[in-house]
Amino acid sequence: MKDSFFQDVHEVAKLVPKGRVTSYGAIAKYLGTGKSARMVGWAMNQAHTDPTIPAHRVVNRLGLLSGKMHFNPPESMAQRLQAEGVRVLDDQVVNFDIHFWNPMKELS
């Protein structure tokens, strides 16, 4: 079951458009497992080896780049977001509410 959950997480992450971000919790809620944001995080930790998964677009509920340590180098998470027009300051998405992509709304 873990593998299929991780695959589901990765499929949702692939849908996040350039210039937008979502959160671990938003993906968990969309998948019907609202209390499993941490599991989404674990799934995203494995996503960095697949260049088709835009892992840099998944942040925590406050817009913090909490997964940056899984990027090489860690600064590349912010750099990728900034290249897409998402401003990052002190490892946090500026205007998070404007850039937030909610799969519950966008994919319904």
C-alpha atoms as a PDB file:
ATOM      1  CA  MET A   1       0.000   0.000   0.000  1.00  0.00           C
ATOM      2  CA  LYS A   2       2.847   2.412   0.772  1.00  0.00           C
ATOM      3  CA  ASP A   3       4.155   2.187  -2.797  1.00  0.00           C
ATOM      4  CA  SER A   4       0.764   2.991  -4.323  1.00  0.00           C
ATOM      5  CA  PHE A   5       0.255   5.876  -1.872  1.00  0.00           C
ATOM      6  CA  PHE A   6       3.669   7.266  -2.783  1.00  0.00           C
ATOM      7  CA  GLN A   7       2.797   6.917  -6.478  1.00  0.00           C
ATOM      8  CA  ASP A   8      -0.497   8.750  -5.899  1.00  0.00           C
ATOM      9  CA  VAL A   9       1.370  11.550  -4.117  1.00  0.00           C
ATOM     10  CA  HIS A  10       3.830  11.813  -6.994  1.00  0.00           C
ATOM     11  CA  GLU A  11       1.021  11.941  -9.554  1.00  0.00           C
ATOM     12  CA  VAL A  12      -0.636  14.855  -7.724  1.00  0.00           C
ATOM     13  CA  ALA A  13       2.715  16.651  -7.388  1.00  0.00           C
ATOM     14  CA  LYS A  14       3.203  16.355 -11.156  1.00  0.00           C
ATOM     15  CA  LEU A  15       0.004  18.383 -11.640  1.00  0.00           C
ATOM     16  CA  VAL A  16       1.173  21.442  -9.683  1.00  0.00           C
ATOM     17  CA  PRO A  17       1.668  24.137 -12.336  1.00  0.00           C
ATOM     18  CA  LYS A  18       4.842  26.159 -12.750  1.00  0.00           C
ATOM     19  CA  GLY A  19       4.799  29.232 -10.555  1.00  0.00           C
ATOM     20  CA  ARG A  20       2.513  27.603  -8.000  1.00  0.00           C
ATOM     21  CA  VAL A  21       3.092  25.597  -4.810  1.00  0.00           C
ATOM     22  CA  THR A  22       1.050  23.195  -2.740  1.00  0.00           C
ATOM     23  CA  SER A  23       1.469  21.682   0.686  1.00  0.00           C
ATOM     24  CA  TYR A  24       1.938  18.192   2.037  1.00  0.00           C
ATOM     25  CA  GLY A  25      -1.364  18.502   3.873  1.00  0.00           C
ATOM     26  CA  ALA A  26      -3.258  19.668   0.777  1.00  0.00           C
ATOM     27  CA  ILE A  27      -2.068  16.604  -1.130  1.00  0.00           C
ATOM     28  CA  ALA A  28      -2.986  14.343   1.791  1.00  0.00           C
ATOM     29  CA  LYS A  29      -6.462  15.851   1.992  1.00  0.00           C
ATOM     30  CA  TYR A  30      -6.974  15.486  -1.751  1.00  0.00           C
ATOM     31  CA  LEU A  31      -6.017  11.815  -1.525  1.00  0.00           C
ATOM     32  CA  GLY A  32      -8.574  11.312   1.247  1.00  0.00           C
ATOM     33  CA  THR A  33      -5.988  10.884   3.984  1.00  0.00           C
ATOM     34  CA  GLY A  34      -6.084  14.313   5.595  1.00  0.00           C
ATOM     35  CA  LYS A  35      -4.060  13.268   8.629  1.00  0.00           C
ATOM     36  CA  SER A  36      -1.157  11.879   6.601  1.00  0.00           C
ATOM     37  CA  ALA A  37       0.773  15.020   5.652  1.00  0.00           C
ATOM     38  CA  ARG A  38       3.911  13.468   7.126  1.00  0.00           C
ATOM     39  CA  MET A  39       3.531  10.421   4.852  1.00  0.00           C
ATOM     40  CA  VAL A  40       3.219  12.799   1.902  1.00  0.00           C
ATOM     41  CA  GLY A  41       6.503  14.310   3.040  1.00  0.00           C
ATOM     42  CA  TRP A  42       8.132  10.888   3.063  1.00  0.00           C
ATOM     43  CA  ALA A  43       6.784  10.247  -0.426  1.00  0.00           C
ATOM     44  CA  MET A  44       8.195  13.566  -1.611  1.00  0.00           C
ATOM     45  CA  ASN A  45      11.584  12.701  -0.099  1.00  0.00           C
ATOM     46  CA  GLN A  46      11.733   9.847  -2.608  1.00  0.00           C
ATOM     47  CA  ALA A  47      10.643  12.073  -5.493  1.00  0.00           C
ATOM     48  CA  HIS A  48      13.969  13.819  -5.918  1.00  0.00           C
ATOM     49  CA  THR A  49      15.402  11.014  -8.013  1.00  0.00           C
ATOM     50  CA  ASP A  50      12.671  11.451 -10.639  1.00  0.00           C
ATOM     51  CA  PRO A  51      13.079  14.616 -12.721  1.00  0.00           C
ATOM     52  CA  THR A  52       9.437  14.413 -13.863  1.00  0.00           C
ATOM     53  CA  ILE A  53       8.212  15.158 -10.314  1.00  0.00           C
ATOM     54  CA  PRO A  54       8.437  18.872  -9.433  1.00  0.00           C
ATOM     55  CA  ALA A  55       9.229  18.218  -5.774  1.00  0.00           C
ATOM     56  CA  HIS A  56      10.319  21.838  -5.309  1.00  0.00           C
ATOM     57  CA  ARG A  57       6.664  22.893  -5.611  1.00  0.00           C
ATOM     58  CA  VAL A  58       5.603  21.041  -2.448  1.00  0.00           C
ATOM     59  CA  VAL A  59       6.169  22.954   0.788  1.00  0.00           C
ATOM     60  CA  ASN A  60       4.768  22.893   4.310  1.00  0.00           C
ATOM     61  CA  ARG A  61       1.477  24.499   5.352  1.00  0.00           C
ATOM     62  CA  LEU A  62       3.186  27.815   6.096  1.00  0.00           C
ATOM     63  CA  GLY A  63       5.030  27.955   2.797  1.00  0.00           C
ATOM     64  CA  LEU A  64       8.345  26.958   4.350  1.00  0.00           C
ATOM     65  CA  LEU A  65      10.808  25.003   2.226  1.00  0.00           C
ATOM     66  CA  SER A  66      10.933  22.241   4.802  1.00  0.00           C
ATOM     67  CA  GLY A  67      12.125  19.673   2.266  1.00  0.00           C
ATOM     68  CA  LYS A  68      15.103  21.665   1.024  1.00  0.00           C
ATOM     69  CA  MET A  69      17.613  19.323   2.668  1.00  0.00           C
ATOM     70  CA  HIS A  70      16.643  16.668   0.135  1.00  0.00           C
ATOM     71  CA  PHE A  71      17.843  18.841  -2.752  1.00  0.00           C
ATOM     72  CA  ASN A  72      21.457  18.945  -3.850  1.00  0.00           C
ATOM     73  CA  PRO A  73      22.455  21.578  -2.999  1.00  0.00           C
ATOM     74  CA  PRO A  74      19.668  22.545  -0.563  1.00  0.00           C
ATOM     75  CA  GLU A  75      19.508  26.059  -2.048  1.00  0.00           C
ATOM     76  CA  SER A  76      18.340  24.622  -5.367  1.00  0.00           C
ATOM     77  CA  MET A  77      14.761  24.235  -4.073  1.00  0.00           C
ATOM     78  CA  ALA A  78      14.455  28.003  -3.660  1.00  0.00           C
ATOM     79  CA  GLN A  79      16.333  28.598  -6.911  1.00  0.00           C
ATOM     80  CA  ARG A  80      13.913  26.408  -8.863  1.00  0.00           C
ATOM     81  CA  LEU A  81      10.911  28.195  -7.384  1.00  0.00           C
ATOM     82  CA  GLN A  82      12.410  31.604  -8.089  1.00  0.00           C
ATOM     83  CA  ALA A  83      13.114  30.578 -11.695  1.00  0.00           C
ATOM     84  CA  GLU A  84       9.360  29.975 -11.984  1.00  0.00           C
ATOM     85  CA  GLY A  85       8.498  33.400 -10.576  1.00  0.00           C
ATOM     86  CA  VAL A  86       7.865  32.359  -6.956  1.00  0.00           C
ATOM     87  CA  ARG A  87       9.689  34.684  -4.596  1.00  0.00           C
ATOM     88  CA  VAL A  88      11.371  33.005  -1.640  1.00  0.00           C
ATOM     89  CA  LEU A  89      12.749  34.862   1.362  1.00  0.00           C
ATOM     90  CA  ASP A  90      14.457  33.122   4.290  1.00  0.00           C
ATOM     91  CA  ASP A  91      13.324  29.709   2.988  1.00  0.00           C
ATOM     92  CA  GLN A  92       9.660  30.730   2.865  1.00  0.00           C
ATOM     93  CA  VAL A  93       7.391  31.417  -0.108  1.00  0.00           C
ATOM     94  CA  VAL A  94       6.466  35.103  -0.206  1.00  0.00           C
ATOM     95  CA  ASN A  95       2.725  35.632  -0.764  1.00  0.00           C
ATOM     96  CA  PHE A  96       2.110  31.948  -0.146  1.00  0.00           C
ATOM     97  CA  ASP A  97      -1.671  32.402  -0.375  1.00  0.00           C
ATOM     98  CA  ILE A  98      -1.349  33.829  -3.902  1.00  0.00           C
ATOM     99  CA  HIS A  99       0.908  31.023  -5.127  1.00  0.00           C
ATOM    100  CA  PHE A 100      -0.956  28.237  -3.305  1.00  0.00           C
ATOM    101  CA  TRP A 101      -2.454  25.581  -5.555  1.00  0.00           C
ATOM    102  CA  ASN A 102      -5.183  23.605  -3.828  1.00  0.00           C
ATOM    103  CA  PRO A 103      -5.778  20.242  -5.511  1.00  0.00           C
ATOM    104  CA  MET A 104      -9.210  19.963  -3.835  1.00  0.00           C
ATOM    105  CA  LYS A 105     -10.332  23.028  -5.805  1.00  0.00           C
ATOM    106  CA  GLU A 106      -8.180  22.726  -8.909  1.00  0.00           C
ATOM    107  CA  LEU A 107      -8.822  19.039  -9.598  1.00  0.00           C
ATOM    108  CA  SER A 108     -12.499  18.812  -8.686  1.00  0.00           C
END
